[in-house]
């Protein structure tokens, strides 16, 4: 069977009276070739939680963690840096969720819908708008607030492309958005610690 593996390791290999037996094995498959090998996709999907599968189908990255702060951010580096900052302050993220660059209103809405299922104490939205526009994110937030009930408190940080428009949309609905990430983090800490 050709799985387009980059590495196959069998270690240890044991000689028994019946012959050679592989006791353990590992295989690395080229991610770009995985679509040609359905068995690889099936094995990968078995490792995902239900929410992680939904996120994958929607086209963004979600990893569930053990904390109580739902995270929606854009850019893997920005999201990882945010998780580091929260951890330094003894705050525990419930997830890693990167909606990616250029996220549409629908994509951000789907991400929020997913985060609501985590039952977090607080949701922290951290958007640094480059390709992703802050007004698009604000519209998705308002759409989610109109369509769902029992939503935990949200702390929103919007800065970058169309920041003024996005902040204005939220402000018209009585919602504040931070520009400075550390001010937003302090607010998250206050919300979580009651």
Protein backbone atom coordinates (compact mmCIF):
# COMPACT_ATOMS: atom_id res chain seq x y z
CA UNK A 1 0.00 0.00 0.00
CA UNK A 2 1.46 3.37 -1.03
CA UNK A 3 0.68 6.01 1.64
CA UNK A 4 3.29 8.52 0.50
CA UNK A 5 5.00 8.37 3.89
CA UNK A 6 7.89 10.67 4.67
CA UNK A 7 9.14 8.41 7.43
CA UNK A 8 8.31 4.92 8.66
CA UNK A 9 9.94 3.72 11.87
CA UNK A 10 9.56 0.27 13.39
CA UNK A 11 11.23 0.05 16.76
CA UNK A 12 11.60 -2.37 18.38
CA UNK A 13 11.49 -5.30 16.05
CA UNK A 14 11.51 -8.56 18.02
CA UNK A 15 12.60 -11.99 16.84
CA UNK A 16 10.28 -14.68 18.21
CA UNK A 17 10.02 -18.42 17.47
CA UNK A 18 7.18 -17.48 15.09
CA UNK A 19 9.28 -14.87 13.27
CA UNK A 20 9.77 -11.08 13.38
CA UNK A 21 7.15 -8.97 15.15
CA UNK A 22 6.96 -5.19 15.08
CA UNK A 23 6.25 -4.14 18.69
CA UNK A 24 5.89 -0.43 17.93
CA UNK A 25 5.81 1.69 14.81
CA UNK A 26 5.40 5.29 13.76
CA UNK A 27 4.72 6.87 10.42
CA UNK A 28 4.81 10.46 9.14
CA UNK A 29 2.69 11.13 6.09
CA UNK A 30 2.99 14.13 3.81
CA UNK A 31 0.01 16.36 4.76
CA UNK A 32 -0.28 17.50 1.15
CA UNK A 33 -0.77 13.90 0.03
CA UNK A 34 -3.21 12.87 2.77
CA UNK A 35 -6.28 13.60 0.62
CA UNK A 36 -5.22 10.75 -1.69
CA UNK A 37 -5.21 8.33 1.22
CA UNK A 38 -8.63 8.17 2.92
CA UNK A 39 -7.30 5.84 5.62
CA UNK A 40 -4.94 8.59 6.80
CA UNK A 41 -7.82 11.08 7.00
CA UNK A 42 -9.89 8.56 8.97
CA UNK A 43 -7.07 8.02 11.47
CA UNK A 44 -6.54 11.79 11.86
CA UNK A 45 -10.27 12.38 12.39
CA UNK A 46 -10.41 9.75 15.14
CA UNK A 47 -8.10 11.96 17.24
CA UNK A 48 -10.41 15.00 16.99
CA UNK A 49 -13.18 15.91 19.44
CA UNK A 50 -16.66 16.60 18.04
CA UNK A 51 -16.08 20.37 18.22
CA UNK A 52 -12.67 20.03 16.55
CA UNK A 53 -14.31 18.08 13.70
CA UNK A 54 -16.94 20.80 13.23
CA UNK A 55 -14.18 23.46 13.18
CA UNK A 56 -12.18 21.49 10.62
CA UNK A 57 -15.23 21.20 8.35
CA UNK A 58 -15.79 24.97 8.71
CA UNK A 59 -12.18 25.61 7.69
CA UNK A 60 -10.55 26.91 10.85
CA UNK A 61 -8.32 25.54 13.58
CA UNK A 62 -9.72 24.65 17.00
CA UNK A 63 -7.96 22.78 19.76
CA UNK A 64 -9.84 22.18 22.99
CA UNK A 65 -7.96 22.90 26.22
CA UNK A 66 -8.88 22.56 29.90
CA UNK A 67 -9.51 26.19 30.85
CA UNK A 68 -12.50 28.48 31.25
CA UNK A 69 -11.81 31.31 28.78
CA UNK A 70 -13.10 30.82 25.24
CA UNK A 71 -10.65 32.26 22.70
CA UNK A 72 -11.37 33.56 19.22
CA UNK A 73 -8.41 35.20 17.50
CA UNK A 74 -6.96 35.56 14.04
CA UNK A 75 -3.53 34.30 13.12
CA UNK A 76 -1.87 31.32 14.74
CA UNK A 77 1.03 33.42 16.06
CA UNK A 78 -1.28 36.01 17.61
CA UNK A 79 -3.42 33.27 19.14
CA UNK A 80 -0.40 31.44 20.59
CA UNK A 81 1.01 34.69 21.99
CA UNK A 82 -2.35 35.40 23.61
CA UNK A 83 -2.44 31.94 25.21
CA UNK A 84 1.08 32.57 26.58
CA UNK A 85 0.04 35.92 28.08
CA UNK A 86 -3.03 34.38 29.69
CA UNK A 87 -1.01 31.48 31.11
CA UNK A 88 1.56 33.90 32.58
CA UNK A 89 -1.31 35.53 34.49
CA UNK A 90 -2.68 32.17 35.69
CA UNK A 91 -5.65 32.43 33.36
CA UNK A 92 -6.67 29.23 31.62
CA UNK A 93 -7.86 29.19 27.99
CA UNK A 94 -10.61 26.72 27.08
CA UNK A 95 -9.42 26.50 23.50
CA UNK A 96 -7.15 27.64 20.72
CA UNK A 97 -9.21 28.98 17.82
CA UNK A 98 -7.68 30.76 14.85
CA UNK A 99 -10.28 31.99 12.34
CA UNK A 100 -7.45 32.84 9.95
CA UNK A 101 -6.80 35.88 7.83
CA UNK A 102 -9.58 37.38 5.76
CA UNK A 103 -12.29 35.68 7.82
CA UNK A 104 -15.81 36.39 6.55
CA UNK A 105 -18.75 37.31 8.76
CA UNK A 106 -20.12 33.77 8.33
CA UNK A 107 -16.82 32.19 9.37
CA UNK A 108 -16.51 34.35 12.51
CA UNK A 109 -20.16 33.62 13.34
CA UNK A 110 -19.56 29.86 13.03
CA UNK A 111 -16.48 30.17 15.25
CA UNK A 112 -18.48 32.00 17.93
CA UNK A 113 -21.25 29.40 17.72
CA UNK A 114 -18.62 26.74 18.39
CA UNK A 115 -17.03 28.63 21.29
CA UNK A 116 -20.43 29.07 22.95
CA UNK A 117 -20.59 25.26 23.22
CA UNK A 118 -17.48 25.27 25.43
CA UNK A 119 -19.51 26.75 28.33
CA UNK A 120 -16.64 29.08 29.23
CA UNK A 121 -16.85 31.71 31.98
CA UNK A 122 -15.75 34.38 29.52
CA UNK A 123 -15.10 34.73 25.80
CA UNK A 124 -12.07 36.70 24.67
CA UNK A 125 -12.13 37.92 21.07
CA UNK A 126 -8.72 39.20 19.97
CA UNK A 127 -8.62 40.53 16.42
CA UNK A 128 -5.69 42.30 14.86
CA UNK A 129 -7.21 43.32 11.55
CA UNK A 130 -4.91 43.08 8.59
CA UNK A 131 -6.72 41.04 5.98
CA UNK A 132 -9.53 40.38 8.47
CA UNK A 133 -11.67 43.50 8.79
CA UNK A 134 -12.79 44.63 12.23
CA UNK A 135 -16.23 45.73 10.96
CA UNK A 136 -16.83 42.22 9.57
CA UNK A 137 -15.94 40.73 12.96
CA UNK A 138 -18.21 43.23 14.74
CA UNK A 139 -21.13 42.27 12.46
CA UNK A 140 -20.57 38.58 13.26
CA UNK A 141 -20.50 39.33 17.00
CA UNK A 142 -23.79 41.24 16.76
CA UNK A 143 -25.33 38.45 14.67
CA UNK A 144 -24.31 35.88 17.30
CA UNK A 145 -25.64 38.02 20.16
CA UNK A 146 -28.99 38.33 18.35
CA UNK A 147 -29.26 34.60 17.60
CA UNK A 148 -28.10 32.98 20.84
CA UNK A 149 -29.05 33.19 24.49
CA UNK A 150 -27.12 32.29 27.61
CA UNK A 151 -23.87 33.74 26.24
CA UNK A 152 -21.03 34.25 28.71
CA UNK A 153 -19.54 37.74 29.07
CA UNK A 154 -17.39 38.79 26.12
CA UNK A 155 -14.24 40.87 26.13
CA UNK A 156 -13.44 42.21 22.68
CA UNK A 157 -10.20 43.63 21.35
CA UNK A 158 -10.40 45.05 17.84
CA UNK A 159 -7.56 46.88 16.18
CA UNK A 160 -6.47 47.31 12.59
CA UNK A 161 -8.37 47.43 9.30
CA UNK A 162 -11.77 49.14 9.65
CA UNK A 163 -11.27 49.39 13.41
CA UNK A 164 -13.29 52.62 13.71
CA UNK A 165 -16.23 51.12 11.81
CA UNK A 166 -16.20 47.92 13.84
CA UNK A 167 -15.91 49.72 17.15
CA UNK A 168 -18.75 52.06 16.15
CA UNK A 169 -21.03 49.13 15.24
CA UNK A 170 -20.45 47.59 18.67
CA UNK A 171 -20.75 50.91 20.51
CA UNK A 172 -24.16 51.52 18.89
CA UNK A 173 -25.30 48.34 20.66
CA UNK A 174 -23.72 49.33 23.99
CA UNK A 175 -20.70 47.05 23.61
CA UNK A 176 -17.16 48.24 24.32
CA UNK A 177 -14.11 47.11 22.39
CA UNK A 178 -10.52 47.52 23.51
CA UNK A 179 -7.63 48.52 21.28
CA UNK A 180 -4.89 47.56 23.72
CA UNK A 181 -4.54 43.82 24.27
CA UNK A 182 -3.25 44.14 27.84
CA UNK A 183 -6.24 46.27 28.87
CA UNK A 184 -8.48 43.58 27.41
CA UNK A 185 -6.55 40.87 29.27
CA UNK A 186 -7.02 42.76 32.56
CA UNK A 187 -10.76 42.89 31.87
CA UNK A 188 -10.81 39.14 31.16
CA UNK A 189 -9.04 38.51 34.48
CA UNK A 190 -11.58 40.65 36.30
CA UNK A 191 -14.52 38.82 34.68
CA UNK A 192 -13.10 35.34 35.35
CA UNK A 193 -12.11 36.07 38.95
CA UNK A 194 -15.49 37.63 39.65
